[in-house]
Structures are given as C-alpha cells and as structure tokens.
C-alpha cells in the first residue's frame, strides 16, 4: 500500500504543476481539485498503513486496537 500512496502523492504533485502552468481558469481549478483529492486519498492510505503497523506492534499487548477513520474523512 505504501507504493500506492506514494504514487498518489506523485500524481498530486504533477496535477499541482499542471495547475500552476495552466492558462485557462477552468483547467487551473480542475487540476487544483484533482491535486487536493489525490493528496486526501494518499493521506487516508498512509494513515491506514500506520494504523496497521501500530496494530501489528500491539498484537502481543492487551488493549484496544486503533480503528481507521471513516471512509471519506479527510485528515
């Protein structure tokens, strides 16, 4: 999953670059929204990876396992 969220971050950076280079206002807005959306997805995936790592580390210890944030929730 780490490879996937890193790819999303790279795609978001590319969209941000296209946003900055666009001369048309509609295209600037579109690429800006795409960059924001891809960054949000990457953040959710990264958080999930971190929670899974924490759950694995806590597997031998008593206590509740952290739950991931609800789907669609921006961090």
Protein backbone atom coordinates (compact mmCIF):
# COMPACT_ATOMS: atom_id res chain seq x y z
CA UNK A 1 0.00 0.00 0.00
CA UNK A 2 2.92 2.32 0.64
CA UNK A 3 3.82 2.22 -3.06
CA UNK A 4 0.25 3.16 -3.92
CA UNK A 5 0.05 6.21 -1.65
CA UNK A 6 3.46 7.37 -2.81
CA UNK A 7 2.20 7.12 -6.41
CA UNK A 8 -0.88 9.14 -5.44
CA UNK A 9 1.37 11.83 -3.94
CA UNK A 10 3.46 11.93 -7.13
CA UNK A 11 0.30 12.22 -9.24
CA UNK A 12 -0.95 15.01 -6.97
CA UNK A 13 2.33 16.88 -7.42
CA UNK A 14 2.01 16.52 -11.19
CA UNK A 15 -1.55 17.86 -11.07
CA UNK A 16 -0.36 20.80 -8.97
CA UNK A 17 2.32 21.53 -11.56
CA UNK A 18 -0.26 21.39 -14.35
CA UNK A 19 -2.48 23.70 -12.30
CA UNK A 20 0.35 26.19 -11.99
CA UNK A 21 1.13 26.03 -15.72
CA UNK A 22 -2.48 26.20 -16.94
CA UNK A 23 -3.56 29.46 -18.55
CA UNK A 24 -7.25 28.58 -18.57
CA UNK A 25 -9.09 29.27 -15.30
CA UNK A 26 -11.27 26.16 -15.60
CA UNK A 27 -8.22 23.94 -16.08
CA UNK A 28 -6.45 25.56 -13.13
CA UNK A 29 -9.46 24.82 -10.96
CA UNK A 30 -9.78 21.25 -12.25
CA UNK A 31 -6.11 20.38 -11.71
CA UNK A 32 -6.19 22.06 -8.30
CA UNK A 33 -9.17 19.95 -7.23
CA UNK A 34 -7.52 16.81 -8.59
CA UNK A 35 -4.32 17.57 -6.67
CA UNK A 36 -6.28 18.12 -3.45
CA UNK A 37 -8.30 14.94 -3.95
CA UNK A 38 -5.25 12.79 -4.69
CA UNK A 39 -3.46 14.19 -1.63
CA UNK A 40 -6.50 13.36 0.50
CA UNK A 41 -6.57 9.79 -0.79
CA UNK A 42 -2.84 9.43 -0.18
CA UNK A 43 -3.25 10.72 3.38
CA UNK A 44 -6.03 8.22 4.09
CA UNK A 45 -3.97 5.35 2.71
CA UNK A 46 -0.89 6.45 4.66
CA UNK A 47 -2.94 6.67 7.87
CA UNK A 48 -4.27 3.16 7.22
CA UNK A 49 -0.72 1.81 6.79
CA UNK A 50 0.34 3.50 10.03
CA UNK A 51 -2.67 2.09 11.91
CA UNK A 52 -1.97 -1.41 10.59
CA UNK A 53 1.67 -1.11 11.69
CA UNK A 54 0.57 0.06 15.14
CA UNK A 55 -1.95 -2.81 15.40
CA UNK A 56 0.73 -5.30 14.43
CA UNK A 57 3.10 -3.87 17.01
CA UNK A 58 0.39 -4.05 19.68
CA UNK A 59 -0.70 -7.58 18.75
CA UNK A 60 1.01 -9.07 21.78
CA UNK A 61 -0.15 -6.43 24.26
CA UNK A 62 -3.60 -6.12 25.84
CA UNK A 63 -5.82 -3.19 24.95
CA UNK A 64 -7.96 -1.97 22.09
CA UNK A 65 -6.64 -1.84 18.53
CA UNK A 66 -6.94 1.61 16.95
CA UNK A 67 -9.66 1.87 14.32
CA UNK A 68 -9.14 3.64 10.99
CA UNK A 69 -11.04 6.87 10.32
CA UNK A 70 -14.36 6.53 8.46
CA UNK A 71 -14.11 6.34 4.68
CA UNK A 72 -14.05 9.72 3.02
CA UNK A 73 -12.88 11.56 6.12
CA UNK A 74 -10.07 13.98 5.30
CA UNK A 75 -7.14 14.13 7.68
